[in-house]
Amino acid sequence: MWGWTLASVVAIYATLGLAGRLATQLPAGLTSSLFGLGFLVALVTVGLSGWLFGSGRSEAWVRAGVAAVYGMILVRMGTEGAERTHLFEYGLVALLIHEALAERRRGGRSVPYPPLTAVVVASLLGWLDELLQGVVPGRVYLRDVGFNAGAAAMAVAASRALAWARSRDRGRAAPR
């Protein structure tokens, strides 16, 4: 898991500034269309995985709620494609860190509360991202730092809610 986390962070940092330049080169509306298509693919994937792996009623409702929350956030964010990618980038980083920490804990190692630790570490990585982008014109430092942290917290909260729903559907306690 740590390898995937490192690969994700390296990919994010390696493309700093590229998204903004790419968005200015693409025809108007194409960025939003591509992002919408990506979000639709993600929704279909989440829905199919629940259907294929037999989600229970609680899990299905949590999946629908998470999809609705993410969808509304994306709609409210407007058309700035580069900013919307942070929702997925730092959400993914936080989930990978959370899973790596949970894996260590299951292996018998002492790990402080994995969800909180994952959000804090992903937020710090997002803060470093914004520091590195300090030279990019038009960046809004504090808002972006907060947005990265919020994306990390949302992803981990959604993951924990799904774990809770799965355990409820199966009649056992959710893993920490």
C-alpha atoms as a PDB file:
ATOM      1  CA  MET A   1       0.000   0.000   0.000  1.00  0.00           C
ATOM      2  CA  TRP A   2       2.819   2.391   0.777  1.00  0.00           C
ATOM      3  CA  GLY A   3       4.200   1.890  -2.738  1.00  0.00           C
ATOM      4  CA  TRP A   4       0.869   2.897  -4.294  1.00  0.00           C
ATOM      5  CA  THR A   5       0.707   5.890  -1.981  1.00  0.00           C
ATOM      6  CA  LEU A   6       4.178   7.025  -3.024  1.00  0.00           C
ATOM      7  CA  ALA A   7       3.353   6.496  -6.705  1.00  0.00           C
ATOM      8  CA  SER A   8       0.188   8.599  -6.342  1.00  0.00           C
ATOM      9  CA  VAL A   9       1.976  11.457  -4.594  1.00  0.00           C
ATOM     10  CA  VAL A  10       4.804  11.418  -7.148  1.00  0.00           C
ATOM     11  CA  ALA A  11       2.234  11.523  -9.976  1.00  0.00           C
ATOM     12  CA  ILE A  12       0.467  14.489  -8.363  1.00  0.00           C
ATOM     13  CA  TYR A  13       3.678  16.418  -7.773  1.00  0.00           C
ATOM     14  CA  ALA A  14       5.051  15.558 -11.232  1.00  0.00           C
ATOM     15  CA  THR A  15       2.055  17.196 -12.894  1.00  0.00           C
ATOM     16  CA  LEU A  16       2.057  20.418 -10.854  1.00  0.00           C
ATOM     17  CA  GLY A  17       1.146  23.307 -13.098  1.00  0.00           C
ATOM     18  CA  LEU A  18       0.390  21.005 -16.036  1.00  0.00           C
ATOM     19  CA  ALA A  19      -3.357  20.857 -15.413  1.00  0.00           C
ATOM     20  CA  GLY A  20      -3.725  24.639 -15.573  1.00  0.00           C
ATOM     21  CA  ARG A  21      -1.717  24.876 -18.786  1.00  0.00           C
ATOM     22  CA  LEU A  22      -3.598  21.958 -20.310  1.00  0.00           C
ATOM     23  CA  ALA A  23      -6.970  23.488 -19.408  1.00  0.00           C
ATOM     24  CA  THR A  24      -6.065  26.713 -21.246  1.00  0.00           C
ATOM     25  CA  GLN A  25      -5.076  24.731 -24.363  1.00  0.00           C
ATOM     26  CA  LEU A  26      -8.268  22.671 -24.575  1.00  0.00           C
ATOM     27  CA  PRO A  27     -11.413  24.006 -26.293  1.00  0.00           C
ATOM     28  CA  ALA A  28     -13.945  25.700 -23.999  1.00  0.00           C
ATOM     29  CA  GLY A  29     -16.195  23.194 -22.268  1.00  0.00           C
ATOM     30  CA  LEU A  30     -14.056  20.159 -23.095  1.00  0.00           C
ATOM     31  CA  THR A  31     -12.404  20.164 -19.662  1.00  0.00           C
ATOM     32  CA  SER A  32     -15.786  20.113 -17.929  1.00  0.00           C
ATOM     33  CA  SER A  33     -17.070  17.430 -20.291  1.00  0.00           C
ATOM     34  CA  LEU A  34     -14.038  15.224 -19.665  1.00  0.00           C
ATOM     35  CA  PHE A  35     -14.327  15.731 -15.926  1.00  0.00           C
ATOM     36  CA  GLY A  36     -18.047  14.924 -16.048  1.00  0.00           C
ATOM     37  CA  LEU A  37     -17.312  11.766 -18.016  1.00  0.00           C
ATOM     38  CA  GLY A  38     -14.677  10.763 -15.456  1.00  0.00           C
ATOM     39  CA  PHE A  39     -17.141  11.331 -12.609  1.00  0.00           C
ATOM     40  CA  LEU A  40     -19.779   9.282 -14.440  1.00  0.00           C
ATOM     41  CA  VAL A  41     -17.298   6.422 -14.919  1.00  0.00           C
ATOM     42  CA  ALA A  42     -16.476   6.584 -11.187  1.00  0.00           C
ATOM     43  CA  LEU A  43     -20.195   6.468 -10.282  1.00  0.00           C
ATOM     44  CA  VAL A  44     -20.809   3.491 -12.558  1.00  0.00           C
ATOM     45  CA  THR A  45     -17.764   1.711 -11.097  1.00  0.00           C
ATOM     46  CA  VAL A  46     -18.958   2.285  -7.524  1.00  0.00           C
ATOM     47  CA  GLY A  47     -22.476   1.168  -8.425  1.00  0.00           C
ATOM     48  CA  LEU A  48     -21.317  -1.930 -10.275  1.00  0.00           C
ATOM     49  CA  SER A  49     -18.926  -2.951  -7.521  1.00  0.00           C
ATOM     50  CA  GLY A  50     -21.773  -2.763  -5.017  1.00  0.00           C
ATOM     51  CA  TRP A  51     -24.032  -4.786  -7.280  1.00  0.00           C
ATOM     52  CA  LEU A  52     -21.393  -7.377  -8.219  1.00  0.00           C
ATOM     53  CA  PHE A  53     -20.179  -7.907  -4.666  1.00  0.00           C
ATOM     54  CA  GLY A  54     -23.637  -7.966  -3.121  1.00  0.00           C
ATOM     55  CA  SER A  55     -24.066  -4.764  -1.137  1.00  0.00           C
ATOM     56  CA  GLY A  56     -26.610  -4.866   1.610  1.00  0.00           C
ATOM     57  CA  ARG A  57     -29.299  -2.250   2.091  1.00  0.00           C
ATOM     58  CA  SER A  58     -27.270  -0.043   4.464  1.00  0.00           C
ATOM     59  CA  GLU A  59     -24.247  -0.092   2.179  1.00  0.00           C
ATOM     60  CA  ALA A  60     -26.372   0.759  -0.864  1.00  0.00           C
ATOM     61  CA  TRP A  61     -27.809   3.803   0.926  1.00  0.00           C
ATOM     62  CA  VAL A  62     -24.380   4.946   2.078  1.00  0.00           C
ATOM     63  CA  ARG A  63     -23.017   4.538  -1.468  1.00  0.00           C
ATOM     64  CA  ALA A  64     -25.889   6.615  -2.841  1.00  0.00           C
ATOM     65  CA  GLY A  65     -25.371   9.277  -0.178  1.00  0.00           C
ATOM     66  CA  VAL A  66     -21.635   9.496  -0.804  1.00  0.00           C
ATOM     67  CA  ALA A  67     -22.218   9.779  -4.557  1.00  0.00           C
ATOM     68  CA  ALA A  68     -24.790  12.538  -4.000  1.00  0.00           C
ATOM     69  CA  VAL A  69     -22.474  14.509  -1.706  1.00  0.00           C
ATOM     70  CA  TYR A  70     -19.540  14.270  -4.109  1.00  0.00           C
ATOM     71  CA  GLY A  71     -21.795  15.155  -7.031  1.00  0.00           C
ATOM     72  CA  MET A  72     -23.180  18.252  -5.298  1.00  0.00           C
ATOM     73  CA  ILE A  73     -19.717  19.422  -4.318  1.00  0.00           C
ATOM     74  CA  LEU A  74     -18.557  19.084  -7.908  1.00  0.00           C
ATOM     75  CA  VAL A  75     -21.601  20.994  -9.191  1.00  0.00           C
ATOM     76  CA  ARG A  76     -21.038  23.802  -6.672  1.00  0.00           C
ATOM     77  CA  MET A  77     -17.365  24.082  -7.604  1.00  0.00           C
ATOM     78  CA  GLY A  78     -18.215  25.430 -11.043  1.00  0.00           C
ATOM     79  CA  THR A  79     -16.057  24.902 -14.087  1.00  0.00           C
ATOM     80  CA  GLU A  80     -12.501  25.089 -12.709  1.00  0.00           C
ATOM     81  CA  GLY A  81     -11.308  21.608 -13.699  1.00  0.00           C
ATOM     82  CA  ALA A  82      -7.852  21.815 -12.128  1.00  0.00           C
ATOM     83  CA  GLU A  83      -9.339  22.481  -8.690  1.00  0.00           C
ATOM     84  CA  ARG A  84     -11.837  19.651  -8.945  1.00  0.00           C
ATOM     85  CA  THR A  85      -9.078  17.119  -9.514  1.00  0.00           C
ATOM     86  CA  HIS A  86      -7.780  17.783  -5.991  1.00  0.00           C
ATOM     87  CA  LEU A  87     -10.998  16.277  -4.658  1.00  0.00           C
ATOM     88  CA  PHE A  88      -9.970  12.958  -6.142  1.00  0.00           C
ATOM     89  CA  GLU A  89      -6.190  13.307  -5.820  1.00  0.00           C
ATOM     90  CA  TYR A  90      -6.039  13.954  -2.090  1.00  0.00           C
ATOM     91  CA  GLY A  91      -9.025  11.714  -1.436  1.00  0.00           C
ATOM     92  CA  LEU A  92      -7.132   8.848  -3.064  1.00  0.00           C
ATOM     93  CA  VAL A  93      -3.923   9.649  -1.177  1.00  0.00           C
ATOM     94  CA  ALA A  94      -5.823   9.703   2.132  1.00  0.00           C
ATOM     95  CA  LEU A  95      -7.522   6.373   1.361  1.00  0.00           C
ATOM     96  CA  LEU A  96      -4.230   4.718   0.442  1.00  0.00           C
ATOM     97  CA  ILE A  97      -2.585   6.005   3.628  1.00  0.00           C
ATOM     98  CA  HIS A  98      -5.584   4.889   5.694  1.00  0.00           C
ATOM     99  CA  GLU A  99      -5.486   1.395   4.216  1.00  0.00           C
ATOM    100  CA  ALA A 100      -1.710   1.131   4.719  1.00  0.00           C
ATOM    101  CA  LEU A 101      -2.074   2.173   8.364  1.00  0.00           C
ATOM    102  CA  ALA A 102      -5.011  -0.187   8.922  1.00  0.00           C
ATOM    103  CA  GLU A 103      -2.974  -3.003   7.371  1.00  0.00           C
ATOM    104  CA  ARG A 104      -0.111  -2.295   9.781  1.00  0.00           C
ATOM    105  CA  ARG A 105      -2.541  -2.271  12.683  1.00  0.00           C
ATOM    106  CA  ARG A 106      -4.036  -5.607  11.614  1.00  0.00           C
ATOM    107  CA  GLY A 107      -0.459  -6.927  11.542  1.00  0.00           C
ATOM    108  CA  GLY A 108      -0.113  -6.150  15.249  1.00  0.00           C
ATOM    109  CA  ARG A 109       1.735  -2.848  15.060  1.00  0.00           C
ATOM    110  CA  SER A 110       0.715   0.073  17.212  1.00  0.00           C
ATOM    111  CA  VAL A 111      -0.806   2.709  14.941  1.00  0.00           C
ATOM    112  CA  PRO A 112      -2.565   5.796  16.257  1.00  0.00           C
ATOM    113  CA  TYR A 113      -6.164   6.132  15.080  1.00  0.00           C
ATOM    114  CA  PRO A 114      -5.683   5.345  11.345  1.00  0.00           C
ATOM    115  CA  PRO A 115      -8.509   7.543   9.961  1.00  0.00           C
ATOM    116  CA  LEU A 116      -7.275  10.687  11.714  1.00  0.00           C
ATOM    117  CA  THR A 117      -3.626   9.926  10.979  1.00  0.00           C
ATOM    118  CA  ALA A 118      -4.446   9.385   7.289  1.00  0.00           C
ATOM    119  CA  VAL A 119      -6.288  12.707   7.031  1.00  0.00           C
ATOM    120  CA  VAL A 120      -3.470  14.595   8.774  1.00  0.00           C
ATOM    121  CA  VAL A 121      -0.717  13.041   6.630  1.00  0.00           C
ATOM    122  CA  ALA A 122      -2.673  13.550   3.374  1.00  0.00           C
ATOM    123  CA  SER A 123      -3.396  17.145   4.420  1.00  0.00           C
ATOM    124  CA  LEU A 124       0.306  17.762   5.024  1.00  0.00           C
ATOM    125  CA  LEU A 125       1.098  16.318   1.588  1.00  0.00           C
ATOM    126  CA  GLY A 126      -1.560  18.636   0.118  1.00  0.00           C
ATOM    127  CA  TRP A 127       0.008  21.565   1.949  1.00  0.00           C
ATOM    128  CA  LEU A 128       3.386  20.663   0.453  1.00  0.00           C
ATOM    129  CA  ASP A 129       1.701  20.548  -2.973  1.00  0.00           C
ATOM    130  CA  GLU A 130       0.494  24.116  -2.477  1.00  0.00           C
ATOM    131  CA  LEU A 131       3.918  25.263  -1.274  1.00  0.00           C
ATOM    132  CA  LEU A 132       5.468  23.822  -4.426  1.00  0.00           C
ATOM    133  CA  GLN A 133       2.833  25.600  -6.516  1.00  0.00           C
ATOM    134  CA  GLY A 134       3.637  28.930  -4.898  1.00  0.00           C
ATOM    135  CA  VAL A 135       5.159  30.097  -8.154  1.00  0.00           C
ATOM    136  CA  VAL A 136       2.051  29.297 -10.240  1.00  0.00           C
ATOM    137  CA  PRO A 137       0.067  32.492 -10.953  1.00  0.00           C
ATOM    138  CA  GLY A 138      -3.525  32.657  -9.765  1.00  0.00           C
ATOM    139  CA  ARG A 139      -3.170  30.144  -6.951  1.00  0.00           C
ATOM    140  CA  VAL A 140      -5.172  30.780  -3.784  1.00  0.00           C
ATOM    141  CA  TYR A 141      -2.955  29.249  -1.143  1.00  0.00           C
ATOM    142  CA  LEU A 142      -5.110  29.021   2.015  1.00  0.00           C
ATOM    143  CA  ARG A 143      -8.283  28.019   0.206  1.00  0.00           C
ATOM    144  CA  ASP A 144      -6.433  25.276  -1.674  1.00  0.00           C
ATOM    145  CA  VAL A 145      -4.759  23.946   1.482  1.00  0.00           C
ATOM    146  CA  GLY A 146      -8.173  23.747   3.145  1.00  0.00           C
ATOM    147  CA  PHE A 147      -9.690  22.131   0.094  1.00  0.00           C
ATOM    148  CA  ASN A 148      -7.001  19.424  -0.003  1.00  0.00           C
ATOM    149  CA  ALA A 149      -7.568  18.690   3.696  1.00  0.00           C
ATOM    150  CA  GLY A 150     -11.331  18.621   3.166  1.00  0.00           C
ATOM    151  CA  ALA A 151     -10.952  16.203   0.255  1.00  0.00           C
ATOM    152  CA  ALA A 152      -8.838  13.892   2.428  1.00  0.00           C
ATOM    153  CA  ALA A 153     -11.347  14.048   5.298  1.00  0.00           C
ATOM    154  CA  MET A 154     -14.313  13.399   2.985  1.00  0.00           C
ATOM    155  CA  ALA A 155     -12.714  10.343   1.423  1.00  0.00           C
ATOM    156  CA  VAL A 156     -11.757   8.773   4.743  1.00  0.00           C
ATOM    157  CA  ALA A 157     -15.182   9.580   6.230  1.00  0.00           C
ATOM    158  CA  ALA A 158     -16.879   7.986   3.202  1.00  0.00           C
ATOM    159  CA  SER A 159     -14.664   4.914   3.527  1.00  0.00           C
ATOM    160  CA  ARG A 160     -15.447   4.582   7.235  1.00  0.00           C
ATOM    161  CA  ALA A 161     -19.175   5.048   6.564  1.00  0.00           C
ATOM    162  CA  LEU A 162     -19.060   2.265   3.964  1.00  0.00           C
ATOM    163  CA  ALA A 163     -17.162  -0.003   6.375  1.00  0.00           C
ATOM    164  CA  TRP A 164     -19.793   0.697   9.039  1.00  0.00           C
ATOM    165  CA  ALA A 165     -22.630  -0.044   6.594  1.00  0.00           C
ATOM    166  CA  ARG A 166     -20.998  -3.293   5.445  1.00  0.00           C
ATOM    167  CA  SER A 167     -20.526  -4.433   9.027  1.00  0.00           C
ATOM    168  CA  ARG A 168     -24.117  -3.513   9.857  1.00  0.00           C
ATOM    169  CA  ASP A 169     -25.386  -5.454   6.861  1.00  0.00           C
ATOM    170  CA  ARG A 170     -23.313  -8.458   7.905  1.00  0.00           C
ATOM    171  CA  GLY A 171     -24.109  -8.099  11.613  1.00  0.00           C
ATOM    172  CA  ARG A 172     -20.647  -7.434  13.031  1.00  0.00           C
ATOM    173  CA  ALA A 173     -18.571  -4.525  14.302  1.00  0.00           C
ATOM    174  CA  ALA A 174     -16.739  -2.323  11.784  1.00  0.00           C
ATOM    175  CA  PRO A 175     -12.932  -2.542  11.741  1.00  0.00           C
ATOM    176  CA  ARG A 176     -11.016   0.438  13.077  1.00  0.00           C
END
